[in-house]
Amino acid sequence: MTLVSVWAPNAKQVVLDCAGTQRPMARRDGGWWRLEADHLVHGVDYGFRVDGDGPFPDPRSAWQPFGVHGPSRWVDHETFAWRDAAWRAPPLSAAVIGELHVGTFTPEGTFDAVIGKLDHLVELGLTHLELMPVQEFPGERGWGYDGVDLFAPHHAYGGPDGLKRLVDACHRRGLAMLLDVVYNHLGPDGNYLGRFGPYFTDAYSTPWGDAVNLDRAHSDEVRRFVIDNALMWLRDYHFDGLRIDAVHAIVDTSAVHLLEALSGEVRRLESRIGRHLALIAESDLNDPRLIRPVESGGYGLDALWNEDFHHALHAALTGESAGYYADFGELGHLAKVLTRGFVHDGTYSRFRKRSYGRPAADVPGRCFVGCLQNHDQVGNRAAGERSSQLLSPGLLKVGAALVLTSPFVPMLFQGEEWAATSPFLYFTDHRDPELAAAVRNGRREEFAAFGWDPETIPDPQSDDSFERSRLDWAEPVQHPHAEILDWHRALIRLRRHHPAFTDDRLDRLRVSVDEQRCCLTLRRPDLILVCNLGKQRQKLHLAADAAHLGLRLASTPGIELRDAAIGLPGESVAILAEMD
């Protein structure tokens, strides 16, 4: 006998529509409706009729095999045979993360197809994979940030069992799994939550319309909905952590913020199942309270995406100064973020036209995720250009070295390790013509404000935008991609085996810059990284205590270490360390 439950506090009647029958449900306390149904078993389709309308998908549907507008399918998570009982994820302090989009990572675009590429990721040296959102979203293709069935893995990727096979295969190869989840909004297409209850409130205005109801009347069950969703991915799909999208857009004025409540419940789940679980936030606030312990007035999350590090590194390498890059561009900005956590830690932002951020110099590096590329910073460019389209091979190697020797948890975006030539464009598959047109026009207007010709902006609804974004797996063995891949492998090996990287205290780093000569030197105990971002050869003098260090890694021939000086060709980087 299966107990079916659905929350619909304002409904006068709720009916289970299943297997050709319609059975009225009984109202219980708190606005819940329940029914014991012996015919609703694993693999059976069903829906709910609310006050005569519908049937609608289950708000907590675990499977939408026909998409967001189709019936739900009942899933018994106990039917899957896991083989990862002995698995324990490494800590974030030891992590090298790879972010990937399931639909474009392989030609097939499925969970099972990702399994076929895991050996490449293991040989690269990754420890964690982070999937962009896989919750059911409209159509067949998309980034996943407009999901509407938050408990259901996307049908086109392979559904619940496909995702479980991928997680299980990763664990058996020593790879931890992180999932990107979106709790600040839901997509409009296929979003039937409002038919069931007050999941949204017009008390706050957001870029996506009404806000998720986290602090108004009847919000207790909405908060429970979000927290239960997070716990499900960690418990039933064996994920090792979650990356929470745009937490600055989660509107919650409760005394106990949703994120604090979530972190507490995840810690209790962690104790119960005996596995370490990580919570990583994307935030536009530069507020370290998100990652401070609850006992110290924080929210208890494990790490933040460090946008200041990305912006400082990108601006230093490319020279771009449009939009938010206007606040960056000097090597001194990069030096500050490496040693103080943020560039904007209460300082004035020209882009925002106000003071911004809060000091974070006491926060260890393992609490920040640093990258040169991610889905946002590539895909939110008009033409989806990767760093490989914007930088020379020499500067690509400099950027990789700064990411992988930083005190932060390094992250690579799919294909970055071999300088993939495929762009990563924004793509959607909305079947509603009005919504498709709104997305298309909104994209053009957004980039027109940055000075791009609207007529050159790729159409997100076009099949071509999706197809062009697929990785080309012939590239890693070809010139010059193989050389870039070897460089990333060497850097990751160094990071994983050199003892200097076990210390992530920011005050243990010393960074010096020469803005005029475009040179930066980063010093760790027994390891020195020296970068020349300019085009001219430079000779830099090192401190006397570097005499015992040898040339461990060089990005190009022609790097000369002699006495207490190093000669660097233009756009090159060298790493000095004790030699084996």
Protein backbone atom coordinates (compact mmCIF):
# COMPACT_ATOMS: atom_id res chain seq x y z
CA MET A 1 0.00 0.00 0.00
CA THR A 2 1.40 3.41 -1.02
CA LEU A 3 0.60 6.50 1.03
CA VAL A 4 0.15 9.43 -1.36
CA SER A 5 0.34 12.97 0.03
CA VAL A 6 0.07 16.44 -1.47
CA TRP A 7 -0.07 19.89 0.12
CA ALA A 8 -2.99 21.99 -1.15
CA PRO A 9 -4.18 24.17 1.76
CA ASN A 10 -6.70 26.23 -0.21
CA ALA A 11 -8.27 23.38 -2.18
CA LYS A 12 -11.80 22.15 -1.52
CA GLN A 13 -11.20 18.83 -3.28
CA VAL A 14 -8.13 16.89 -4.42
CA VAL A 15 -8.40 13.73 -6.51
CA LEU A 16 -5.68 11.20 -7.37
CA ASP A 17 -5.84 10.41 -11.10
CA CYS A 18 -4.03 7.11 -11.62
CA ALA A 19 -4.30 4.04 -13.86
CA GLY A 20 -7.60 5.16 -15.35
CA THR A 21 -9.24 5.75 -12.00
CA GLN A 22 -9.98 8.85 -9.98
CA ARG A 23 -10.00 8.57 -6.21
CA PRO A 24 -10.83 11.44 -3.85
CA MET A 25 -8.21 12.18 -1.21
CA ALA A 26 -8.87 13.00 2.45
CA ARG A 27 -7.97 16.37 3.91
CA ARG A 28 -5.67 16.26 6.92
CA ASP A 29 -4.13 18.85 9.25
CA GLY A 30 -1.94 21.60 7.83
CA GLY A 31 -3.53 21.60 4.37
CA TRP A 32 -2.28 18.12 3.46
CA TRP A 33 -4.36 15.64 1.47
CA ARG A 34 -3.64 11.92 1.80
CA LEU A 35 -4.74 8.59 0.36
CA GLU A 36 -3.59 4.98 0.60
CA ALA A 37 -3.44 3.57 -2.94
CA ASP A 38 -2.49 -0.03 -3.62
CA HIS A 39 -2.26 0.50 -7.40
CA LEU A 40 0.34 3.31 -7.24
CA VAL A 41 3.65 1.46 -7.42
CA HIS A 42 7.07 2.04 -8.99
CA GLY A 43 6.70 2.98 -12.66
CA VAL A 44 3.00 3.90 -12.59
CA ASP A 45 1.89 7.29 -13.96
CA TYR A 46 -0.40 9.60 -12.00
CA GLY A 47 -1.47 13.18 -11.38
CA PHE A 48 -3.71 15.28 -9.15
CA ARG A 49 -6.96 17.07 -9.93
CA VAL A 50 -7.48 20.16 -7.80
CA ASP A 51 -11.04 21.49 -7.50
CA GLY A 52 -11.92 19.85 -10.80
CA ASP A 53 -8.93 21.18 -12.76
CA GLY A 54 -6.06 19.07 -14.02
CA PRO A 55 -4.65 16.53 -13.78
CA PHE A 56 -1.46 18.32 -12.76
CA PRO A 57 1.96 16.81 -12.05
CA ASP A 58 2.82 16.08 -8.42
CA PRO A 59 4.68 19.09 -6.92
CA ARG A 60 7.17 16.54 -5.56
CA SER A 61 7.20 14.37 -8.66
CA ALA A 62 10.31 12.18 -8.80
CA TRP A 63 9.97 11.55 -12.54
CA GLN A 64 8.41 13.41 -15.47
CA PRO A 65 9.02 11.01 -18.38
CA PHE A 66 6.94 13.13 -20.79
CA GLY A 67 8.21 16.54 -19.69
CA VAL A 68 6.88 19.31 -17.48
CA HIS A 69 3.30 19.12 -18.76
CA GLY A 70 2.94 15.34 -18.65
CA PRO A 71 1.91 12.99 -15.85
CA SER A 72 4.21 12.15 -12.97
CA ARG A 73 5.62 8.64 -12.57
CA TRP A 74 5.94 7.05 -9.15
CA VAL A 75 9.50 6.18 -8.11
CA ASP A 76 10.50 3.78 -5.34
CA HIS A 77 14.10 4.75 -4.59
CA GLU A 78 14.68 1.40 -2.87
CA THR A 79 14.56 -0.42 -6.22
CA PHE A 80 17.99 0.86 -7.32
CA ALA A 81 20.96 -1.34 -6.39
CA TRP A 82 23.76 0.96 -5.25
CA ARG A 83 27.36 -0.30 -5.23
CA ASP A 84 29.04 2.59 -3.40
CA ALA A 85 28.51 1.58 0.23
CA ALA A 86 32.18 2.14 1.11
CA TRP A 87 32.40 5.54 -0.61
CA ARG A 88 33.47 8.63 1.35
CA ALA A 89 34.06 11.94 -0.43
CA PRO A 90 37.34 13.82 0.07
CA PRO A 91 37.07 17.18 1.86
CA LEU A 92 36.70 20.38 -0.13
CA SER A 93 40.16 21.42 1.07
CA ALA A 94 41.56 18.67 -1.17
CA ALA A 95 39.17 19.20 -4.07
CA VAL A 96 39.69 19.98 -7.74
CA ILE A 97 36.21 20.45 -9.20
CA GLY A 98 35.04 20.02 -12.77
CA GLU A 99 31.77 21.72 -13.75
CA LEU A 100 29.81 20.13 -16.59
CA HIS A 101 26.53 20.42 -18.48
CA VAL A 102 25.10 16.98 -19.15
CA GLY A 103 23.44 17.89 -22.45
CA THR A 104 26.58 19.24 -24.14
CA PHE A 105 29.30 17.23 -22.42
CA THR A 106 28.93 14.31 -24.87
CA PRO A 107 27.35 13.84 -28.31
CA GLU A 108 24.54 11.82 -26.71
CA GLY A 109 23.86 14.34 -23.94
CA THR A 110 22.82 11.79 -21.30
CA PHE A 111 23.83 10.70 -17.82
CA ASP A 112 24.97 7.32 -19.16
CA ALA A 113 27.11 8.96 -21.82
CA VAL A 114 28.96 10.97 -19.17
CA ILE A 115 30.03 7.65 -17.61
CA GLY A 116 31.98 6.89 -20.77
CA LYS A 117 34.13 10.00 -20.24
CA LEU A 118 34.91 9.51 -16.55
CA ASP A 119 38.32 7.98 -17.22
CA HIS A 120 39.40 11.23 -18.87
CA LEU A 121 38.33 13.20 -15.80
CA VAL A 122 40.07 10.81 -13.41
CA GLU A 123 43.29 10.97 -15.44
CA LEU A 124 43.06 14.75 -15.41
CA GLY A 125 43.10 14.60 -11.62
CA LEU A 126 39.65 15.89 -10.72
CA THR A 127 38.21 14.91 -7.35
CA HIS A 128 34.67 16.32 -7.71
CA LEU A 129 32.20 16.72 -10.57
CA GLU A 130 29.58 19.45 -10.38
CA LEU A 131 26.53 19.02 -12.59
CA MET A 132 24.67 22.07 -13.81
CA PRO A 133 20.98 21.75 -12.84
CA VAL A 134 19.31 18.53 -13.96
CA GLN A 135 15.88 19.15 -12.42
CA GLU A 136 13.07 18.80 -14.98
CA PHE A 137 12.87 21.92 -17.16
CA PRO A 138 10.81 22.76 -20.28
CA GLY A 139 11.71 21.10 -23.56
CA GLU A 140 14.64 18.84 -24.36
CA ARG A 141 17.59 21.21 -24.04
CA GLY A 142 18.51 24.06 -21.71
CA TRP A 143 20.85 25.22 -18.99
CA GLY A 144 18.45 23.96 -16.31
CA TYR A 145 18.02 27.17 -14.32
CA ASP A 146 14.34 27.38 -15.28
CA GLY A 147 13.44 24.04 -13.73
CA VAL A 148 9.92 23.49 -12.41
CA ASP A 149 9.85 19.89 -11.14
CA LEU A 150 12.62 20.16 -8.59
CA PHE A 151 12.48 16.52 -7.44
CA ALA A 152 12.68 14.97 -10.95
CA PRO A 153 15.92 14.44 -12.96
CA HIS A 154 15.45 15.66 -16.53
CA HIS A 155 13.81 13.07 -18.75
CA ALA A 156 16.02 13.76 -21.79
CA TYR A 157 19.15 13.10 -19.72
CA GLY A 158 17.99 9.68 -18.55
CA GLY A 159 15.65 10.18 -15.61
CA PRO A 160 16.16 8.94 -12.03
CA ASP A 161 17.95 5.66 -12.72
CA GLY A 162 20.25 7.26 -15.28
CA LEU A 163 21.35 9.85 -12.72
CA LYS A 164 21.85 7.18 -10.07
CA ARG A 165 23.99 5.13 -12.45
CA LEU A 166 26.17 8.18 -13.08
CA VAL A 167 26.63 8.99 -9.39
CA ASP A 168 27.35 5.33 -8.61
CA ALA A 169 29.90 5.10 -11.44
CA CYS A 170 31.62 8.30 -10.27
CA HIS A 171 31.95 7.01 -6.73
CA ARG A 172 33.41 3.72 -7.94
CA ARG A 173 36.07 5.74 -9.81
CA GLY A 174 36.85 7.96 -6.82
CA LEU A 175 34.93 11.04 -7.98
CA ALA A 176 32.66 12.94 -5.61
CA MET A 177 29.46 14.42 -7.02
CA LEU A 178 28.00 17.90 -6.54
CA LEU A 179 24.66 19.11 -7.92
CA ASP A 180 23.66 22.67 -8.81
CA VAL A 181 20.24 23.46 -7.31
CA VAL A 182 18.05 26.55 -7.81
CA TYR A 183 15.86 27.76 -4.95
CA ASN A 184 15.62 31.49 -5.71
CA HIS A 185 13.03 31.04 -8.48
CA LEU A 186 11.33 28.50 -10.72
CA GLY A 187 10.67 28.69 -14.43
CA PRO A 188 7.25 29.80 -15.65
CA ASP A 189 6.61 27.08 -18.26
CA GLY A 190 5.10 23.97 -16.63
CA ASN A 191 5.08 25.54 -13.19
CA TYR A 192 1.87 24.26 -11.59
CA LEU A 193 2.84 24.87 -7.96
CA GLY A 194 0.48 27.84 -7.69
CA ARG A 195 -2.43 25.50 -8.45
CA PHE A 196 -1.71 23.65 -5.21
CA GLY A 197 -0.86 26.37 -2.72
CA PRO A 198 0.88 29.65 -1.86
CA TYR A 199 4.35 28.64 -3.02
CA PHE A 200 4.93 32.22 -4.22
CA THR A 201 4.29 35.69 -2.81
CA ASP A 202 3.85 39.08 -4.45
CA ALA A 203 5.31 40.73 -1.35
CA TYR A 204 8.64 40.88 -3.15
CA SER A 205 9.48 41.56 -6.77
CA THR A 206 12.19 39.50 -8.45
CA PRO A 207 13.54 39.37 -12.02
CA TRP A 208 11.43 36.22 -12.46
CA GLY A 209 8.17 37.57 -11.03
CA ASP A 210 6.72 36.71 -7.61
CA ALA A 211 9.25 35.48 -5.07
CA VAL A 212 9.30 32.01 -3.57
CA ASN A 213 7.25 32.28 -0.36
CA LEU A 214 9.79 31.68 2.39
CA ASP A 215 8.63 34.10 5.07
CA ARG A 216 4.94 34.92 4.57
CA ALA A 217 1.70 33.15 5.48
CA HIS A 218 1.84 29.36 4.91
CA SER A 219 5.60 29.56 4.25
CA ASP A 220 6.46 26.73 6.66
CA GLU A 221 5.49 24.10 4.10
CA VAL A 222 7.26 25.95 1.28
CA ARG A 223 10.46 26.02 3.33
CA ARG A 224 9.94 22.31 4.04
CA PHE A 225 9.52 21.71 0.30
CA VAL A 226 12.91 23.32 -0.43
CA ILE A 227 14.77 21.61 2.41
CA ASP A 228 13.26 18.20 1.62
CA ASN A 229 14.36 18.64 -1.97
CA ALA A 230 17.96 19.29 -0.93
CA LEU A 231 17.96 16.32 1.44
CA MET A 232 16.55 14.05 -1.27
CA TRP A 233 19.46 14.69 -3.65
CA LEU A 234 21.95 13.94 -0.88
CA ARG A 235 20.12 10.92 0.54
CA ASP A 236 18.36 9.19 -2.38
CA TYR A 237 20.83 10.09 -5.15
CA HIS A 238 23.98 9.91 -3.00
CA PHE A 239 25.26 13.33 -4.03
CA ASP A 240 28.16 14.54 -1.90
CA GLY A 241 27.12 18.18 -1.91
CA LEU A 242 25.07 20.93 -3.47
CA ARG A 243 25.94 24.19 -5.19
CA ILE A 244 23.10 26.62 -4.41
CA ASP A 245 22.41 29.10 -7.19
CA ALA A 246 22.27 32.87 -6.58
CA VAL A 247 21.55 32.85 -2.86
CA HIS A 248 21.47 36.67 -2.89
CA ALA A 249 18.16 36.32 -4.76
CA ILE A 250 16.60 34.14 -2.04
CA VAL A 251 14.30 36.56 -0.22
CA ASP A 252 13.82 35.49 3.40
CA THR A 253 13.42 37.85 6.35
CA SER A 254 12.85 35.04 8.87
CA ALA A 255 14.88 35.03 12.08
CA VAL A 256 16.34 31.72 10.89
CA HIS A 257 17.19 32.17 7.23
CA LEU A 258 16.41 29.29 4.88
CA LEU A 259 20.13 28.70 4.30
CA GLU A 260 20.84 28.42 8.01
CA ALA A 261 17.94 26.01 8.43
CA LEU A 262 19.14 24.00 5.43
CA SER A 263 22.73 23.76 6.69
CA GLY A 264 21.49 22.51 10.06
CA GLU A 265 19.40 19.76 8.50
CA VAL A 266 22.21 18.74 6.17
CA ARG A 267 24.57 18.41 9.14
CA ARG A 268 22.07 16.13 10.85
CA LEU A 269 21.71 14.04 7.69
CA GLU A 270 25.50 13.90 7.46
CA SER A 271 25.69 12.41 10.96
CA ARG A 272 22.94 9.92 10.22
CA ILE A 273 24.38 8.52 6.97
CA GLY A 274 28.06 8.83 7.92
CA ARG A 275 29.17 10.77 4.83
CA HIS A 276 30.62 14.28 4.56
CA LEU A 277 28.24 16.60 2.69
CA ALA A 278 29.16 20.00 1.30
CA LEU A 279 27.07 23.12 0.70
CA ILE A 280 28.50 25.69 -1.73
CA ALA A 281 26.75 28.97 -2.48
CA GLU A 282 26.85 31.36 -5.39
CA SER A 283 26.44 34.85 -3.95
CA ASP A 284 26.65 38.41 -5.23
CA LEU A 285 27.03 39.83 -1.72
CA ASN A 286 30.73 39.31 -0.83
CA ASP A 287 29.44 38.44 2.64
CA PRO A 288 31.51 35.88 4.59
CA ARG A 289 28.66 35.38 7.06
CA LEU A 290 27.32 32.79 4.63
CA ILE A 291 30.31 30.56 5.39
CA ARG A 292 30.82 31.36 9.05
CA PRO A 293 29.59 28.82 11.63
CA VAL A 294 26.05 29.22 12.92
CA GLU A 295 27.52 29.55 16.41
CA SER A 296 29.30 32.70 15.23
CA GLY A 297 26.23 34.24 13.63
CA GLY A 298 26.77 32.72 10.20
CA TYR A 299 24.72 30.40 8.02
CA GLY A 300 27.07 27.43 8.25
CA LEU A 301 27.69 26.85 4.53
CA ASP A 302 31.00 25.31 3.46
CA ALA A 303 32.14 27.53 0.59
CA LEU A 304 31.32 30.38 -1.80
CA TRP A 305 32.02 30.82 -5.47
CA ASN A 306 34.58 33.63 -5.40
CA GLU A 307 33.42 35.97 -8.15
CA ASP A 308 36.05 38.58 -7.25
CA PHE A 309 38.81 36.08 -7.99
CA HIS A 310 37.33 35.26 -11.39
CA HIS A 311 36.78 38.91 -12.30
CA ALA A 312 40.26 39.98 -11.16
CA LEU A 313 41.93 37.13 -13.05
CA HIS A 314 39.85 37.54 -16.21
CA ALA A 315 40.37 41.31 -16.34
CA ALA A 316 44.12 40.97 -15.72
CA LEU A 317 44.49 38.43 -18.54
CA THR A 318 42.13 39.93 -21.13
CA GLY A 319 42.21 43.64 -20.36
CA GLU A 320 38.41 43.77 -20.55
CA SER A 321 36.80 46.59 -18.59
CA ALA A 322 33.11 46.58 -19.58
CA GLY A 323 30.35 45.94 -17.04
CA TYR A 324 31.50 44.56 -13.71
CA TYR A 325 35.07 44.23 -15.01
CA ALA A 326 35.32 48.02 -14.58
CA ASP A 327 36.16 47.38 -10.92
CA PHE A 328 39.15 45.20 -11.83
CA GLY A 329 42.08 45.07 -14.24
CA GLU A 330 45.11 45.79 -12.04
CA LEU A 331 47.39 43.02 -10.83
CA GLY A 332 46.99 44.57 -7.40
CA HIS A 333 43.34 43.48 -7.45
CA LEU A 334 44.45 39.91 -8.05
CA ALA A 335 47.01 40.16 -5.27
CA LYS A 336 44.35 41.44 -2.86
CA VAL A 337 41.83 38.70 -3.57
CA LEU A 338 44.53 36.02 -3.15
CA THR A 339 45.58 37.33 0.24
CA ARG A 340 42.40 38.97 1.57
CA GLY A 341 39.60 36.79 0.14
CA PHE A 342 37.71 39.59 -1.64
CA VAL A 343 38.66 42.66 -3.64
CA HIS A 344 35.48 44.39 -2.55
CA ASP A 345 35.47 43.97 1.23
CA GLY A 346 33.75 47.24 2.07
CA THR A 347 35.43 49.28 -0.65
CA TYR A 348 33.71 51.48 -3.23
CA SER A 349 32.55 49.77 -6.42
CA ARG A 350 32.50 51.92 -9.55
CA PHE A 351 30.22 49.42 -11.25
CA ARG A 352 27.68 49.37 -8.40
CA LYS A 353 28.27 53.01 -7.48
CA ARG A 354 28.30 52.16 -3.78
CA SER A 355 30.45 50.53 -1.13
CA TYR A 356 30.27 46.80 -1.32
CA GLY A 357 31.30 43.65 0.57
CA ARG A 358 32.70 42.76 3.96
CA PRO A 359 36.23 41.73 5.08
CA ALA A 360 37.06 38.03 4.77
CA ALA A 361 40.83 37.87 5.29
CA ASP A 362 40.43 35.45 8.21
CA VAL A 363 38.45 32.94 6.12
CA PRO A 364 40.53 29.94 4.94
CA GLY A 365 40.96 29.37 1.23
CA ARG A 366 38.97 26.13 1.29
CA CYS A 367 35.85 28.27 1.84
CA PHE A 368 36.16 29.82 -1.64
CA VAL A 369 35.85 28.20 -5.07
CA GLY A 370 38.04 29.92 -7.65
CA CYS A 371 38.00 29.62 -11.43
CA LEU A 372 38.95 31.22 -14.72
CA GLN A 373 35.83 29.91 -16.45
CA ASN A 374 32.38 28.71 -15.44
CA HIS A 375 29.02 28.37 -17.17
CA ASP A 376 27.97 31.93 -16.29
CA GLN A 377 31.15 33.72 -17.25
CA VAL A 378 31.33 31.91 -20.59
CA GLY A 379 27.67 31.48 -21.44
CA ASN A 380 26.63 34.97 -20.44
CA ARG A 381 28.88 36.47 -23.10
CA ALA A 382 27.06 37.33 -26.31
CA ALA A 383 28.91 34.72 -28.37
CA GLY A 384 29.70 32.30 -25.54
CA GLU A 385 33.46 32.70 -25.98
CA ARG A 386 35.70 30.61 -23.79
CA SER A 387 39.02 31.89 -22.51
CA SER A 388 40.65 29.91 -25.34
CA GLN A 389 39.00 32.33 -27.82
CA LEU A 390 40.07 35.39 -25.81
CA LEU A 391 43.63 34.53 -24.76
CA SER A 392 46.86 33.28 -26.27
CA PRO A 393 48.04 29.78 -25.31
CA GLY A 394 50.65 31.41 -23.11
CA LEU A 395 48.13 33.43 -21.12
CA LEU A 396 45.84 30.40 -20.91
CA LYS A 397 48.66 28.60 -19.14
CA VAL A 398 49.22 31.57 -16.85
CA GLY A 399 45.53 31.59 -15.95
CA ALA A 400 45.48 27.85 -15.28
CA ALA A 401 48.54 28.15 -13.05
CA LEU A 402 46.98 30.94 -10.99
CA VAL A 403 43.76 28.95 -10.52
CA LEU A 404 45.47 25.69 -9.64
CA THR A 405 48.07 27.18 -7.28
CA SER A 406 45.66 29.57 -5.57
CA PRO A 407 44.65 29.06 -1.93
CA PHE A 408 41.07 28.49 -3.13
CA VAL A 409 39.31 25.31 -4.23
CA PRO A 410 40.01 25.26 -7.99
CA MET A 411 37.26 24.59 -10.53
CA LEU A 412 37.47 23.96 -14.28
CA PHE A 413 34.60 24.25 -16.75
CA GLN A 414 34.08 21.35 -19.16
CA GLY A 415 36.71 21.32 -21.90
CA GLU A 416 38.74 24.10 -20.30
CA GLU A 417 41.51 21.62 -19.57
CA TRP A 418 42.24 21.24 -23.30
CA ALA A 419 41.25 24.76 -24.47
CA ALA A 420 38.07 23.53 -26.18
CA THR A 421 37.10 25.57 -29.22
CA SER A 422 33.34 25.04 -28.90
CA PRO A 423 31.55 28.05 -27.40
CA PHE A 424 29.09 27.64 -24.56
CA LEU A 425 26.06 29.58 -25.66
CA TYR A 426 22.82 30.24 -23.83
CA PHE A 427 20.19 27.87 -25.23
CA THR A 428 16.56 27.08 -24.45
CA ASP A 429 13.76 24.93 -25.85
CA HIS A 430 10.59 26.74 -24.82
CA ARG A 431 7.50 25.44 -26.60
CA ASP A 432 5.40 28.46 -25.59
CA PRO A 433 5.82 30.96 -28.49
CA GLU A 434 5.37 34.01 -26.26
CA LEU A 435 7.93 32.82 -23.73
CA ALA A 436 10.38 31.87 -26.51
CA ALA A 437 10.05 35.36 -28.03
CA ALA A 438 10.48 37.02 -24.62
CA VAL A 439 13.68 35.08 -23.96
CA ARG A 440 15.04 35.83 -27.43
CA ASN A 441 14.27 39.56 -27.24
CA GLY A 442 15.43 39.88 -23.66
CA ARG A 443 18.77 38.35 -24.56
CA ARG A 444 19.27 40.83 -27.40
CA GLU A 445 18.31 43.81 -25.24
CA GLU A 446 20.65 42.70 -22.47
CA PHE A 447 23.68 42.50 -24.73
CA ALA A 448 22.80 45.63 -26.67
CA ALA A 449 23.33 47.49 -23.39
CA PHE A 450 26.93 46.18 -23.44
CA GLY A 451 27.52 47.51 -26.93
CA TRP A 452 27.03 44.29 -28.93
CA ASP A 453 25.03 44.39 -32.15
CA PRO A 454 21.67 42.74 -31.32
CA GLU A 455 21.53 41.18 -34.78
CA THR A 456 24.68 39.17 -34.07
CA ILE A 457 23.37 37.63 -30.82
CA PRO A 458 22.75 33.89 -31.33
CA ASP A 459 19.11 32.86 -30.92
CA PRO A 460 18.77 30.84 -27.67
CA GLN A 461 15.87 28.89 -29.21
CA SER A 462 17.89 27.74 -32.21
CA ASP A 463 19.07 24.14 -32.41
CA ASP A 464 22.35 25.58 -33.66
CA SER A 465 23.03 27.37 -30.35
CA PHE A 466 22.80 24.04 -28.57
CA GLU A 467 24.69 21.96 -31.13
CA ARG A 468 27.60 24.42 -31.34
CA SER A 469 27.99 24.19 -27.56
CA ARG A 470 28.74 20.46 -27.57
CA LEU A 471 32.31 19.47 -26.76
CA ASP A 472 34.46 18.01 -29.54
CA TRP A 473 36.13 14.96 -28.00
CA ALA A 474 38.56 14.65 -30.91
CA GLU A 475 40.37 17.76 -29.70
CA PRO A 476 42.20 16.54 -26.55
CA VAL A 477 44.73 14.54 -28.57
CA GLN A 478 45.24 17.20 -31.23
CA HIS A 479 47.70 20.11 -31.34
CA PRO A 480 47.63 22.53 -29.51
CA HIS A 481 44.96 21.09 -27.22
CA ALA A 482 47.09 18.16 -26.04
CA GLU A 483 49.76 20.58 -24.77
CA ILE A 484 47.20 22.57 -22.76
CA LEU A 485 45.79 19.31 -21.37
CA ASP A 486 49.24 18.14 -20.29
CA TRP A 487 49.79 21.49 -18.56
CA HIS A 488 46.58 21.15 -16.55
CA ARG A 489 47.45 17.57 -15.60
CA ALA A 490 50.89 18.66 -14.39
CA LEU A 491 49.47 21.52 -12.34
CA ILE A 492 46.87 19.27 -10.71
CA ARG A 493 49.52 16.66 -9.87
CA LEU A 494 51.62 19.35 -8.24
CA ARG A 495 48.66 20.66 -6.26
CA ARG A 496 47.71 17.21 -5.01
CA HIS A 497 51.20 16.14 -4.00
CA HIS A 498 53.17 19.21 -2.88
CA PRO A 499 52.84 19.86 0.87
CA ALA A 500 52.57 23.64 0.35
CA PHE A 501 48.96 23.20 -0.77
CA THR A 502 47.85 21.69 2.53
CA ASP A 503 47.99 25.18 4.06
CA ASP A 504 45.15 27.40 2.86
CA ARG A 505 45.58 30.27 5.30
CA LEU A 506 45.48 33.45 3.25
CA ASP A 507 47.98 35.21 5.51
CA ARG A 508 50.56 32.56 4.62
CA LEU A 509 50.72 33.79 1.03
CA ARG A 510 52.88 36.63 -0.15
CA VAL A 511 52.00 38.22 -3.46
CA SER A 512 54.00 41.00 -5.09
CA VAL A 513 53.19 42.71 -8.36
CA ASP A 514 54.90 44.98 -10.85
CA GLU A 515 52.09 46.69 -12.72
CA GLN A 516 54.41 48.36 -15.23
CA ARG A 517 56.12 45.13 -16.24
CA CYS A 518 52.91 43.04 -15.89
CA CYS A 519 54.54 40.59 -13.51
CA LEU A 520 53.19 38.81 -10.43
CA THR A 521 54.97 36.61 -7.91
CA LEU A 522 53.10 34.37 -5.49
CA ARG A 523 55.07 32.85 -2.64
CA ARG A 524 54.07 29.90 -0.50
CA PRO A 525 56.37 28.12 1.92
CA ASP A 526 58.81 26.19 -0.30
CA LEU A 527 57.00 27.13 -3.52
CA ILE A 528 57.07 30.23 -5.73
CA LEU A 529 54.96 31.02 -8.79
CA VAL A 530 56.25 33.76 -11.12
CA CYS A 531 54.07 35.13 -13.95
CA ASN A 532 54.82 37.45 -16.83
CA LEU A 533 51.52 38.61 -18.33
CA GLY A 534 53.19 41.06 -20.71
CA LYS A 535 54.57 40.41 -24.17
CA GLN A 536 58.18 41.37 -23.42
CA ARG A 537 60.77 39.14 -21.75
CA GLN A 538 61.39 40.10 -18.13
CA LYS A 539 64.09 39.32 -15.61
CA LEU A 540 62.90 39.16 -12.01
CA HIS A 541 65.07 38.97 -8.92
CA LEU A 542 64.02 36.51 -6.26
CA ALA A 543 64.68 36.60 -2.54
CA ALA A 544 67.77 34.85 -1.26
CA ASP A 545 65.70 32.16 0.46
CA ALA A 546 64.61 30.90 -2.97
CA ALA A 547 68.10 29.62 -3.76
CA HIS A 548 67.23 26.06 -2.71
CA LEU A 549 64.29 25.87 -5.11
CA GLY A 550 64.45 24.46 -8.62
CA LEU A 551 62.34 24.96 -11.75
CA ARG A 552 59.47 22.53 -11.17
CA LEU A 553 57.12 23.56 -13.96
CA ALA A 554 57.65 25.89 -16.94
CA SER A 555 54.89 26.89 -19.34
CA THR A 556 57.27 27.44 -22.25
CA PRO A 557 60.90 26.94 -23.28
CA GLY A 558 63.26 29.81 -22.62
CA ILE A 559 62.60 30.22 -18.90
CA GLU A 560 65.98 30.55 -17.22
CA LEU A 561 66.68 30.27 -13.48
CA ARG A 562 70.13 31.48 -12.51
CA ASP A 563 71.35 32.40 -9.05
CA ALA A 564 68.61 34.58 -7.51
CA ALA A 565 67.01 35.68 -10.78
CA ILE A 566 64.59 34.21 -13.28
CA GLY A 567 64.17 35.17 -16.92
CA LEU A 568 60.63 34.85 -18.26
CA PRO A 569 59.57 35.13 -21.91
CA GLY A 570 56.40 37.10 -22.56
CA GLU A 571 53.12 35.48 -21.48
CA SER A 572 54.71 32.73 -19.45
CA VAL A 573 54.72 31.29 -15.95
CA ALA A 574 57.18 29.28 -13.91
CA ILE A 575 56.78 27.38 -10.65
CA LEU A 576 59.79 26.91 -8.38
CA ALA A 577 59.81 24.22 -5.73
CA GLU A 578 62.07 21.71 -4.08
CA MET A 579 62.93 19.07 -6.64
CA ASP A 580 62.26 15.39 -5.98
